[in-house]
């Protein structure tokens, strides 16, 4: 640790590009900077910088030393930041984005518990399904469903939904219960057109050889999962949606699950947030809240496993 001052001087010289620039930043003389570098190089028995009157350039050994030392300094700064924040109560405005359906049905009803625990945090909730068009900088935290696009943010998976095929008791009484995946071709299936790209979503099933997709000719096409659920409850036809959309309807008997043995996995639900070195206490508090909440997804009953 005796070399720490010299290392910090060396890093500042590299980043400033000149001895004089580093001296101004450190508030010392250029001669003092030069002397610190000379002592460091003597201690290490290696030349770190090639100096001229106008600029400095790292030697190969200096470049390797800079890479390692700059990472150590960043780690020290992170440790200092975490320590300084550990005694602070999470507070301030937190802008959270989430899909509309998942937010309305499952996330927002859980928020009173979070706000009671952290009264210093004010939430602004932005519900929209076009998450791919959301600029990362607009939100502090973003909850996403489906495949994630490349981003400068960190991501953590929270849960994985499953696809449920459902129909109303009225529809089944009139048309019969589908007994196989192939028999769905004789039923009024309601299909989903993705608002993001206009494509029809194929249905997913589990078979003896694993999961597979199957295109179905829809009796009706809708671009909202909640509208699909409403149409199914009205007896119009059979739907396939993520299980969290129909939990309450299944529990109330407004819908009946069809072909449960063929139930396939769906998309992932994830949270995006700044990398750990930029996390404020309010970010950490909300991410921890989400992780605890989704450890047992609220729509997943004990009978679902």
C-alpha atoms as a PDB file:
ATOM      1  CA  UNK A   1       0.000   0.000   0.000  1.00  0.00           C
ATOM      2  CA  UNK A   2       3.063   2.273   0.178  1.00  0.00           C
ATOM      3  CA  UNK A   3       2.716   2.781  -3.581  1.00  0.00           C
ATOM      4  CA  UNK A   4      -0.927   3.924  -3.467  1.00  0.00           C
ATOM      5  CA  UNK A   5      -0.174   7.639  -3.829  1.00  0.00           C
ATOM      6  CA  UNK A   6       2.151   6.985  -6.757  1.00  0.00           C
ATOM      7  CA  UNK A   7      -0.439   4.733  -8.407  1.00  0.00           C
ATOM      8  CA  UNK A   8      -3.119   7.438  -8.140  1.00  0.00           C
ATOM      9  CA  UNK A   9      -0.696   9.974  -9.643  1.00  0.00           C
ATOM     10  CA  UNK A  10       0.095   7.540 -12.470  1.00  0.00           C
ATOM     11  CA  UNK A  11      -3.606   7.001 -13.233  1.00  0.00           C
ATOM     12  CA  UNK A  12      -4.246  10.731 -13.310  1.00  0.00           C
ATOM     13  CA  UNK A  13      -1.323  11.328 -15.659  1.00  0.00           C
ATOM     14  CA  UNK A  14      -2.599   8.688 -18.083  1.00  0.00           C
ATOM     15  CA  UNK A  15      -6.124  10.089 -18.014  1.00  0.00           C
ATOM     16  CA  UNK A  16      -4.973  13.719 -18.345  1.00  0.00           C
ATOM     17  CA  UNK A  17      -2.432  12.913 -21.059  1.00  0.00           C
ATOM     18  CA  UNK A  18       0.211  15.267 -19.652  1.00  0.00           C
ATOM     19  CA  UNK A  19       2.106  15.781 -16.416  1.00  0.00           C
ATOM     20  CA  UNK A  20       0.885  19.352 -16.163  1.00  0.00           C
ATOM     21  CA  UNK A  21      -2.747  18.320 -16.673  1.00  0.00           C
ATOM     22  CA  UNK A  22      -2.492  15.761 -13.879  1.00  0.00           C
ATOM     23  CA  UNK A  23      -0.790  18.341 -11.656  1.00  0.00           C
ATOM     24  CA  UNK A  24      -3.660  20.807 -12.126  1.00  0.00           C
ATOM     25  CA  UNK A  25      -6.211  18.110 -11.292  1.00  0.00           C
ATOM     26  CA  UNK A  26      -4.335  17.006  -8.191  1.00  0.00           C
ATOM     27  CA  UNK A  27      -3.514  20.552  -7.071  1.00  0.00           C
ATOM     28  CA  UNK A  28       0.251  20.009  -6.966  1.00  0.00           C
ATOM     29  CA  UNK A  29       3.230  21.080  -9.054  1.00  0.00           C
ATOM     30  CA  UNK A  30       4.343  19.342 -12.220  1.00  0.00           C
ATOM     31  CA  UNK A  31       7.658  18.627 -10.523  1.00  0.00           C
ATOM     32  CA  UNK A  32       5.866  16.822  -7.701  1.00  0.00           C
ATOM     33  CA  UNK A  33       3.969  14.661 -10.209  1.00  0.00           C
ATOM     34  CA  UNK A  34       7.209  13.831 -12.026  1.00  0.00           C
ATOM     35  CA  UNK A  35       8.918  12.907  -8.758  1.00  0.00           C
ATOM     36  CA  UNK A  36       6.029  10.614  -7.706  1.00  0.00           C
ATOM     37  CA  UNK A  37       6.175   8.794 -11.029  1.00  0.00           C
ATOM     38  CA  UNK A  38       9.929   8.378 -10.765  1.00  0.00           C
ATOM     39  CA  UNK A  39       9.635   6.882  -7.266  1.00  0.00           C
ATOM     40  CA  UNK A  40       6.901   4.466  -8.444  1.00  0.00           C
ATOM     41  CA  UNK A  41       8.917   3.301 -11.436  1.00  0.00           C
ATOM     42  CA  UNK A  42      12.007   2.826  -9.256  1.00  0.00           C
ATOM     43  CA  UNK A  43       9.993   0.821  -6.751  1.00  0.00           C
ATOM     44  CA  UNK A  44       8.567  -1.405  -9.520  1.00  0.00           C
ATOM     45  CA  UNK A  45      11.852  -1.568 -11.453  1.00  0.00           C
ATOM     46  CA  UNK A  46       9.980  -0.902 -14.702  1.00  0.00           C
ATOM     47  CA  UNK A  47       9.320   2.099 -16.944  1.00  0.00           C
ATOM     48  CA  UNK A  48       5.606   2.863 -17.070  1.00  0.00           C
ATOM     49  CA  UNK A  49       5.541   5.993 -19.230  1.00  0.00           C
ATOM     50  CA  UNK A  50       7.529   7.456 -22.116  1.00  0.00           C
ATOM     51  CA  UNK A  51       7.599  11.184 -21.488  1.00  0.00           C
ATOM     52  CA  UNK A  52       8.016  14.072 -23.943  1.00  0.00           C
ATOM     53  CA  UNK A  53       7.623  17.794 -23.402  1.00  0.00           C
ATOM     54  CA  UNK A  54       4.057  17.711 -24.783  1.00  0.00           C
ATOM     55  CA  UNK A  55       2.593  14.327 -23.877  1.00  0.00           C
ATOM     56  CA  UNK A  56       3.138  10.971 -22.248  1.00  0.00           C
ATOM     57  CA  UNK A  57       2.580   7.502 -23.682  1.00  0.00           C
ATOM     58  CA  UNK A  58       2.285   4.228 -21.821  1.00  0.00           C
ATOM     59  CA  UNK A  59       4.826   1.527 -22.338  1.00  0.00           C
ATOM     60  CA  UNK A  60       3.453  -2.039 -22.770  1.00  0.00           C
ATOM     61  CA  UNK A  61       4.167  -2.628 -19.076  1.00  0.00           C
ATOM     62  CA  UNK A  62       2.485   0.672 -18.231  1.00  0.00           C
ATOM     63  CA  UNK A  63      -0.603  -0.265 -20.217  1.00  0.00           C
ATOM     64  CA  UNK A  64      -0.982  -3.549 -18.325  1.00  0.00           C
ATOM     65  CA  UNK A  65      -0.366  -1.807 -14.999  1.00  0.00           C
ATOM     66  CA  UNK A  66      -2.941   0.875 -15.829  1.00  0.00           C
ATOM     67  CA  UNK A  67      -5.594  -1.711 -16.719  1.00  0.00           C
ATOM     68  CA  UNK A  68      -5.178  -3.564 -13.446  1.00  0.00           C
ATOM     69  CA  UNK A  69      -4.869  -0.500 -11.213  1.00  0.00           C
ATOM     70  CA  UNK A  70      -7.821   1.353 -12.739  1.00  0.00           C
ATOM     71  CA  UNK A  71     -10.059  -1.671 -12.041  1.00  0.00           C
ATOM     72  CA  UNK A  72      -8.844  -1.766  -8.434  1.00  0.00           C
ATOM     73  CA  UNK A  73      -9.649   1.922  -8.001  1.00  0.00           C
ATOM     74  CA  UNK A  74     -13.130   1.409  -9.461  1.00  0.00           C
ATOM     75  CA  UNK A  75     -13.695  -1.454  -7.016  1.00  0.00           C
ATOM     76  CA  UNK A  76     -12.597   0.756  -4.133  1.00  0.00           C
ATOM     77  CA  UNK A  77     -14.962   3.513  -5.273  1.00  0.00           C
ATOM     78  CA  UNK A  78     -17.814   1.005  -5.485  1.00  0.00           C
ATOM     79  CA  UNK A  79     -17.045  -0.256  -1.991  1.00  0.00           C
ATOM     80  CA  UNK A  80     -17.029   3.305  -0.677  1.00  0.00           C
ATOM     81  CA  UNK A  81     -20.343   4.036  -2.419  1.00  0.00           C
ATOM     82  CA  UNK A  82     -22.009   0.935  -0.982  1.00  0.00           C
ATOM     83  CA  UNK A  83     -20.717   1.717   2.505  1.00  0.00           C
ATOM     84  CA  UNK A  84     -21.899   5.324   2.335  1.00  0.00           C
ATOM     85  CA  UNK A  85     -25.362   4.246   1.169  1.00  0.00           C
ATOM     86  CA  UNK A  86     -25.806   1.415   3.645  1.00  0.00           C
ATOM     87  CA  UNK A  87     -27.019   3.721   6.386  1.00  0.00           C
ATOM     88  CA  UNK A  88     -29.298   5.752   4.158  1.00  0.00           C
ATOM     89  CA  UNK A  89     -33.020   5.139   4.050  1.00  0.00           C
ATOM     90  CA  UNK A  90     -34.215   4.495   0.455  1.00  0.00           C
ATOM     91  CA  UNK A  91     -35.976   7.637  -0.725  1.00  0.00           C
ATOM     92  CA  UNK A  92     -36.833   9.720  -3.769  1.00  0.00           C
ATOM     93  CA  UNK A  93     -38.756   9.353  -7.013  1.00  0.00           C
ATOM     94  CA  UNK A  94     -38.550   5.957  -8.716  1.00  0.00           C
ATOM     95  CA  UNK A  95     -39.890   5.627 -12.274  1.00  0.00           C
ATOM     96  CA  UNK A  96     -40.913   2.039 -12.983  1.00  0.00           C
ATOM     97  CA  UNK A  97     -42.100   0.700 -16.330  1.00  0.00           C
ATOM     98  CA  UNK A  98     -44.165  -2.466 -16.669  1.00  0.00           C
ATOM     99  CA  UNK A  99     -46.462  -4.282 -19.133  1.00  0.00           C
ATOM    100  CA  UNK A 100     -50.076  -3.188 -18.806  1.00  0.00           C
ATOM    101  CA  UNK A 101     -51.697  -6.555 -18.142  1.00  0.00           C
ATOM    102  CA  UNK A 102     -49.081  -7.846 -15.716  1.00  0.00           C
ATOM    103  CA  UNK A 103     -49.027  -4.490 -13.958  1.00  0.00           C
ATOM    104  CA  UNK A 104     -52.770  -4.069 -13.587  1.00  0.00           C
ATOM    105  CA  UNK A 105     -53.478  -7.605 -12.433  1.00  0.00           C
ATOM    106  CA  UNK A 106     -50.472  -8.574 -10.333  1.00  0.00           C
ATOM    107  CA  UNK A 107     -47.819  -5.901  -9.789  1.00  0.00           C
ATOM    108  CA  UNK A 108     -49.814  -2.818  -8.849  1.00  0.00           C
ATOM    109  CA  UNK A 109     -51.942  -4.665  -6.252  1.00  0.00           C
ATOM    110  CA  UNK A 110     -48.677  -5.590  -4.482  1.00  0.00           C
ATOM    111  CA  UNK A 111     -47.320  -2.025  -4.344  1.00  0.00           C
ATOM    112  CA  UNK A 112     -49.063  -0.865  -1.140  1.00  0.00           C
ATOM    113  CA  UNK A 113     -46.892  -3.323   0.787  1.00  0.00           C
ATOM    114  CA  UNK A 114     -43.750  -1.825  -0.779  1.00  0.00           C
ATOM    115  CA  UNK A 115     -44.842   1.753  -0.075  1.00  0.00           C
ATOM    116  CA  UNK A 116     -45.595   0.948   3.562  1.00  0.00           C
ATOM    117  CA  UNK A 117     -42.130  -0.515   3.943  1.00  0.00           C
ATOM    118  CA  UNK A 118     -40.418   2.441   2.203  1.00  0.00           C
ATOM    119  CA  UNK A 119     -42.476   5.588   2.856  1.00  0.00           C
ATOM    120  CA  UNK A 120     -39.655   7.804   1.573  1.00  0.00           C
ATOM    121  CA  UNK A 121     -39.981   6.439  -1.978  1.00  0.00           C
ATOM    122  CA  UNK A 122     -42.426   7.982  -4.456  1.00  0.00           C
ATOM    123  CA  UNK A 123     -43.358   5.760  -7.383  1.00  0.00           C
ATOM    124  CA  UNK A 124     -44.234   6.815 -10.899  1.00  0.00           C
ATOM    125  CA  UNK A 125     -45.579   3.760 -12.754  1.00  0.00           C
ATOM    126  CA  UNK A 126     -45.553   3.742 -16.561  1.00  0.00           C
ATOM    127  CA  UNK A 127     -47.705   0.938 -18.018  1.00  0.00           C
ATOM    128  CA  UNK A 128     -47.203   0.149 -21.684  1.00  0.00           C
ATOM    129  CA  UNK A 129     -46.654  -2.942 -23.778  1.00  0.00           C
ATOM    130  CA  UNK A 130     -44.314  -1.435 -26.378  1.00  0.00           C
ATOM    131  CA  UNK A 131     -41.269  -1.956 -24.176  1.00  0.00           C
ATOM    132  CA  UNK A 132     -38.938  -2.411 -27.149  1.00  0.00           C
ATOM    133  CA  UNK A 133     -39.542   1.238 -28.024  1.00  0.00           C
ATOM    134  CA  UNK A 134     -38.833   2.446 -24.502  1.00  0.00           C
ATOM    135  CA  UNK A 135     -35.601   4.377 -24.127  1.00  0.00           C
ATOM    136  CA  UNK A 136     -33.637   3.003 -21.205  1.00  0.00           C
ATOM    137  CA  UNK A 137     -32.941   6.508 -19.915  1.00  0.00           C
ATOM    138  CA  UNK A 138     -36.646   7.246 -19.418  1.00  0.00           C
ATOM    139  CA  UNK A 139     -37.016   4.738 -16.580  1.00  0.00           C
ATOM    140  CA  UNK A 140     -35.178   3.861 -13.398  1.00  0.00           C
ATOM    141  CA  UNK A 141     -36.380   0.249 -13.487  1.00  0.00           C
ATOM    142  CA  UNK A 142     -38.194  -1.620 -16.241  1.00  0.00           C
ATOM    143  CA  UNK A 143     -40.120  -4.887 -15.915  1.00  0.00           C
ATOM    144  CA  UNK A 144     -40.242  -6.657 -19.261  1.00  0.00           C
ATOM    145  CA  UNK A 145     -41.957  -9.744 -20.609  1.00  0.00           C
ATOM    146  CA  UNK A 146     -40.592 -11.772 -23.495  1.00  0.00           C
ATOM    147  CA  UNK A 147     -37.224 -11.710 -25.217  1.00  0.00           C
ATOM    148  CA  UNK A 148     -34.938  -8.885 -24.148  1.00  0.00           C
ATOM    149  CA  UNK A 149     -33.330  -6.597 -26.692  1.00  0.00           C
ATOM    150  CA  UNK A 150     -29.640  -5.617 -26.367  1.00  0.00           C
ATOM    151  CA  UNK A 151     -29.342  -2.950 -23.683  1.00  0.00           C
ATOM    152  CA  UNK A 152     -26.747  -1.106 -21.641  1.00  0.00           C
ATOM    153  CA  UNK A 153     -28.713  -2.092 -18.518  1.00  0.00           C
ATOM    154  CA  UNK A 154     -28.300  -5.102 -16.250  1.00  0.00           C
ATOM    155  CA  UNK A 155     -31.077  -7.719 -16.303  1.00  0.00           C
ATOM    156  CA  UNK A 156     -32.373 -10.335 -13.897  1.00  0.00           C
ATOM    157  CA  UNK A 157     -34.979 -12.988 -14.606  1.00  0.00           C
ATOM    158  CA  UNK A 158     -37.885 -12.890 -12.166  1.00  0.00           C
ATOM    159  CA  UNK A 159     -40.214 -15.651 -13.367  1.00  0.00           C
ATOM    160  CA  UNK A 160     -41.283 -17.712 -16.344  1.00  0.00           C
ATOM    161  CA  UNK A 161     -44.944 -17.888 -17.246  1.00  0.00           C
ATOM    162  CA  UNK A 162     -46.703 -20.878 -18.797  1.00  0.00           C
ATOM    163  CA  UNK A 163     -49.302 -20.911 -21.544  1.00  0.00           C
ATOM    164  CA  UNK A 164     -52.826 -21.997 -20.599  1.00  0.00           C
ATOM    165  CA  UNK A 165     -55.487 -23.060 -23.130  1.00  0.00           C
ATOM    166  CA  UNK A 166     -58.952 -22.102 -21.880  1.00  0.00           C
ATOM    167  CA  UNK A 167     -62.616 -21.934 -22.861  1.00  0.00           C
ATOM    168  CA  UNK A 168     -65.794 -20.982 -21.042  1.00  0.00           C
ATOM    169  CA  UNK A 169     -68.198 -23.586 -19.615  1.00  0.00           C
ATOM    170  CA  UNK A 170     -70.805 -22.288 -22.078  1.00  0.00           C
ATOM    171  CA  UNK A 171     -68.528 -22.858 -25.070  1.00  0.00           C
ATOM    172  CA  UNK A 172     -67.588 -26.371 -23.919  1.00  0.00           C
ATOM    173  CA  UNK A 173     -71.258 -27.246 -23.336  1.00  0.00           C
ATOM    174  CA  UNK A 174     -72.064 -26.235 -26.925  1.00  0.00           C
ATOM    175  CA  UNK A 175     -68.985 -27.539 -28.745  1.00  0.00           C
ATOM    176  CA  UNK A 176     -67.486 -30.194 -26.495  1.00  0.00           C
ATOM    177  CA  UNK A 177     -64.163 -30.444 -24.717  1.00  0.00           C
ATOM    178  CA  UNK A 178     -61.089 -30.607 -27.003  1.00  0.00           C
ATOM    179  CA  UNK A 179     -59.411 -33.946 -26.320  1.00  0.00           C
ATOM    180  CA  UNK A 180     -56.199 -33.500 -28.309  1.00  0.00           C
ATOM    181  CA  UNK A 181     -54.072 -30.727 -29.768  1.00  0.00           C
ATOM    182  CA  UNK A 182     -55.163 -31.816 -33.264  1.00  0.00           C
ATOM    183  CA  UNK A 183     -58.833 -31.530 -32.325  1.00  0.00           C
ATOM    184  CA  UNK A 184     -58.382 -27.774 -31.869  1.00  0.00           C
ATOM    185  CA  UNK A 185     -58.606 -27.527 -35.671  1.00  0.00           C
ATOM    186  CA  UNK A 186     -62.338 -28.210 -35.323  1.00  0.00           C
ATOM    187  CA  UNK A 187     -62.837 -25.499 -32.694  1.00  0.00           C
ATOM    188  CA  UNK A 188     -63.203 -21.720 -32.798  1.00  0.00           C
ATOM    189  CA  UNK A 189     -59.718 -20.662 -31.721  1.00  0.00           C
ATOM    190  CA  UNK A 190     -59.074 -17.001 -30.985  1.00  0.00           C
ATOM    191  CA  UNK A 191     -55.576 -15.872 -31.937  1.00  0.00           C
ATOM    192  CA  UNK A 192     -53.309 -13.026 -30.882  1.00  0.00           C
ATOM    193  CA  UNK A 193     -51.634 -10.533 -33.206  1.00  0.00           C
ATOM    194  CA  UNK A 194     -48.564  -8.997 -31.622  1.00  0.00           C
ATOM    195  CA  UNK A 195     -48.924  -5.171 -31.562  1.00  0.00           C
ATOM    196  CA  UNK A 196     -45.147  -4.781 -31.703  1.00  0.00           C
ATOM    197  CA  UNK A 197     -44.599  -6.460 -35.073  1.00  0.00           C
ATOM    198  CA  UNK A 198     -48.055  -7.422 -36.380  1.00  0.00           C
ATOM    199  CA  UNK A 199     -47.296 -11.159 -36.402  1.00  0.00           C
ATOM    200  CA  UNK A 200     -49.740 -13.859 -35.335  1.00  0.00           C
ATOM    201  CA  UNK A 201     -48.463 -15.744 -32.296  1.00  0.00           C
ATOM    202  CA  UNK A 202     -48.389 -19.510 -32.816  1.00  0.00           C
ATOM    203  CA  UNK A 203     -49.683 -21.668 -29.979  1.00  0.00           C
ATOM    204  CA  UNK A 204     -47.194 -23.671 -27.905  1.00  0.00           C
ATOM    205  CA  UNK A 205     -47.705 -27.192 -26.590  1.00  0.00           C
ATOM    206  CA  UNK A 206     -45.796 -29.872 -24.713  1.00  0.00           C
ATOM    207  CA  UNK A 207     -45.478 -33.226 -26.456  1.00  0.00           C
ATOM    208  CA  UNK A 208     -43.581 -36.510 -25.929  1.00  0.00           C
ATOM    209  CA  UNK A 209     -40.506 -35.057 -27.640  1.00  0.00           C
ATOM    210  CA  UNK A 210     -40.588 -31.676 -25.922  1.00  0.00           C
ATOM    211  CA  UNK A 211     -42.290 -28.379 -26.649  1.00  0.00           C
ATOM    212  CA  UNK A 212     -43.371 -27.284 -30.098  1.00  0.00           C
ATOM    213  CA  UNK A 213     -45.406 -24.562 -31.791  1.00  0.00           C
ATOM    214  CA  UNK A 214     -48.515 -25.024 -33.905  1.00  0.00           C
ATOM    215  CA  UNK A 215     -50.199 -22.422 -36.136  1.00  0.00           C
ATOM    216  CA  UNK A 216     -53.981 -22.287 -35.801  1.00  0.00           C
ATOM    217  CA  UNK A 217     -56.503 -20.633 -38.127  1.00  0.00           C
ATOM    218  CA  UNK A 218     -58.299 -18.184 -35.899  1.00  0.00           C
ATOM    219  CA  UNK A 219     -62.033 -17.624 -35.802  1.00  0.00           C
ATOM    220  CA  UNK A 220     -61.179 -14.168 -34.437  1.00  0.00           C
ATOM    221  CA  UNK A 221     -57.949 -12.187 -34.142  1.00  0.00           C
ATOM    222  CA  UNK A 222     -57.249  -9.748 -31.304  1.00  0.00           C
ATOM    223  CA  UNK A 223     -54.206  -7.660 -30.405  1.00  0.00           C
ATOM    224  CA  UNK A 224     -54.747  -7.685 -26.633  1.00  0.00           C
ATOM    225  CA  UNK A 225     -54.384 -10.595 -24.232  1.00  0.00           C
ATOM    226  CA  UNK A 226     -56.974  -9.089 -21.918  1.00  0.00           C
ATOM    227  CA  UNK A 227     -59.376  -8.839 -24.872  1.00  0.00           C
ATOM    228  CA  UNK A 228     -58.725 -12.518 -25.615  1.00  0.00           C
ATOM    229  CA  UNK A 229     -59.717 -13.391 -22.056  1.00  0.00           C
ATOM    230  CA  UNK A 230     -62.888 -11.288 -22.295  1.00  0.00           C
ATOM    231  CA  UNK A 231     -63.822 -12.979 -25.596  1.00  0.00           C
ATOM    232  CA  UNK A 232     -63.288 -16.434 -24.117  1.00  0.00           C
ATOM    233  CA  UNK A 233     -65.372 -15.632 -21.038  1.00  0.00           C
ATOM    234  CA  UNK A 234     -68.135 -14.463 -23.413  1.00  0.00           C
ATOM    235  CA  UNK A 235     -68.109 -17.943 -24.980  1.00  0.00           C
ATOM    236  CA  UNK A 236     -66.750 -16.937 -28.391  1.00  0.00           C
ATOM    237  CA  UNK A 237     -63.988 -19.532 -28.541  1.00  0.00           C
ATOM    238  CA  UNK A 238     -60.827 -21.163 -27.193  1.00  0.00           C
ATOM    239  CA  UNK A 239     -57.763 -19.089 -26.267  1.00  0.00           C
ATOM    240  CA  UNK A 240     -54.148 -19.604 -25.282  1.00  0.00           C
ATOM    241  CA  UNK A 241     -52.605 -16.930 -23.053  1.00  0.00           C
ATOM    242  CA  UNK A 242     -49.963 -16.670 -20.336  1.00  0.00           C
ATOM    243  CA  UNK A 243     -51.303 -18.239 -17.158  1.00  0.00           C
ATOM    244  CA  UNK A 244     -51.239 -14.995 -15.183  1.00  0.00           C
ATOM    245  CA  UNK A 245     -53.947 -13.534 -17.430  1.00  0.00           C
ATOM    246  CA  UNK A 246     -56.555 -16.170 -16.489  1.00  0.00           C
ATOM    247  CA  UNK A 247     -55.801 -17.124 -12.881  1.00  0.00           C
ATOM    248  CA  UNK A 248     -58.830 -15.327 -11.427  1.00  0.00           C
ATOM    249  CA  UNK A 249     -61.186 -16.507 -14.207  1.00  0.00           C
ATOM    250  CA  UNK A 250     -60.120 -20.128 -13.685  1.00  0.00           C
ATOM    251  CA  UNK A 251     -60.559 -19.812  -9.924  1.00  0.00           C
ATOM    252  CA  UNK A 252     -64.036 -18.295 -10.373  1.00  0.00           C
ATOM    253  CA  UNK A 253     -65.137 -20.947 -12.876  1.00  0.00           C
ATOM    254  CA  UNK A 254     -65.613 -18.423 -15.689  1.00  0.00           C
ATOM    255  CA  UNK A 255     -63.036 -20.384 -17.715  1.00  0.00           C
ATOM    256  CA  UNK A 256     -61.981 -24.030 -17.779  1.00  0.00           C
ATOM    257  CA  UNK A 257     -58.448 -25.094 -18.629  1.00  0.00           C
ATOM    258  CA  UNK A 258     -58.226 -27.258 -21.741  1.00  0.00           C
ATOM    259  CA  UNK A 259     -55.508 -29.864 -22.459  1.00  0.00           C
ATOM    260  CA  UNK A 260     -53.553 -29.213 -19.219  1.00  0.00           C
ATOM    261  CA  UNK A 261     -51.263 -32.194 -19.940  1.00  0.00           C
ATOM    262  CA  UNK A 262     -49.952 -30.285 -22.977  1.00  0.00           C
ATOM    263  CA  UNK A 263     -49.288 -27.032 -21.096  1.00  0.00           C
ATOM    264  CA  UNK A 264     -46.064 -25.483 -22.396  1.00  0.00           C
ATOM    265  CA  UNK A 265     -43.631 -22.960 -21.001  1.00  0.00           C
ATOM    266  CA  UNK A 266     -44.042 -19.357 -22.035  1.00  0.00           C
ATOM    267  CA  UNK A 267     -41.910 -16.245 -21.953  1.00  0.00           C
ATOM    268  CA  UNK A 268     -39.691 -14.880 -19.227  1.00  0.00           C
ATOM    269  CA  UNK A 269     -40.482 -11.923 -17.009  1.00  0.00           C
ATOM    270  CA  UNK A 270     -37.363  -9.881 -16.233  1.00  0.00           C
ATOM    271  CA  UNK A 271     -36.335  -6.662 -14.540  1.00  0.00           C
ATOM    272  CA  UNK A 272     -33.850  -4.236 -16.126  1.00  0.00           C
ATOM    273  CA  UNK A 273     -31.904  -1.791 -13.992  1.00  0.00           C
ATOM    274  CA  UNK A 274     -28.636   0.189 -13.914  1.00  0.00           C
ATOM    275  CA  UNK A 275     -25.478  -1.823 -13.306  1.00  0.00           C
ATOM    276  CA  UNK A 276     -24.704  -2.429  -9.648  1.00  0.00           C
ATOM    277  CA  UNK A 277     -22.152   0.350  -9.309  1.00  0.00           C
ATOM    278  CA  UNK A 278     -24.876   2.889 -10.212  1.00  0.00           C
ATOM    279  CA  UNK A 279     -27.631   1.485  -7.998  1.00  0.00           C
ATOM    280  CA  UNK A 280     -29.132   3.849  -5.450  1.00  0.00           C
ATOM    281  CA  UNK A 281     -30.788   2.469  -2.276  1.00  0.00           C
ATOM    282  CA  UNK A 282     -34.242   3.010  -3.835  1.00  0.00           C
ATOM    283  CA  UNK A 283     -33.275   0.821  -6.811  1.00  0.00           C
ATOM    284  CA  UNK A 284     -32.000  -1.956  -4.564  1.00  0.00           C
ATOM    285  CA  UNK A 285     -35.117  -1.823  -2.410  1.00  0.00           C
ATOM    286  CA  UNK A 286     -37.488  -2.229  -5.360  1.00  0.00           C
ATOM    287  CA  UNK A 287     -35.430  -4.979  -7.032  1.00  0.00           C
ATOM    288  CA  UNK A 288     -35.304  -6.925  -3.759  1.00  0.00           C
ATOM    289  CA  UNK A 289     -39.072  -6.467  -3.460  1.00  0.00           C
ATOM    290  CA  UNK A 290     -39.617  -7.865  -6.962  1.00  0.00           C
ATOM    291  CA  UNK A 291     -37.310 -10.838  -6.398  1.00  0.00           C
ATOM    292  CA  UNK A 292     -39.149 -11.753  -3.185  1.00  0.00           C
ATOM    293  CA  UNK A 293     -42.543 -11.302  -4.843  1.00  0.00           C
ATOM    294  CA  UNK A 294     -41.719 -13.467  -7.852  1.00  0.00           C
ATOM    295  CA  UNK A 295     -39.965 -16.199  -5.863  1.00  0.00           C
ATOM    296  CA  UNK A 296     -43.469 -17.682  -5.755  1.00  0.00           C
ATOM    297  CA  UNK A 297     -45.398 -15.918  -8.557  1.00  0.00           C
ATOM    298  CA  UNK A 298     -48.679 -14.625  -7.098  1.00  0.00           C
ATOM    299  CA  UNK A 299     -50.767 -16.168  -9.892  1.00  0.00           C
ATOM    300  CA  UNK A 300     -49.256 -19.636  -9.386  1.00  0.00           C
ATOM    301  CA  UNK A 301     -51.425 -21.724  -7.059  1.00  0.00           C
ATOM    302  CA  UNK A 302     -50.140 -24.604  -4.974  1.00  0.00           C
ATOM    303  CA  UNK A 303     -51.745 -27.067  -7.365  1.00  0.00           C
ATOM    304  CA  UNK A 304     -49.672 -25.640 -10.217  1.00  0.00           C
ATOM    305  CA  UNK A 305     -46.396 -26.813  -8.684  1.00  0.00           C
END
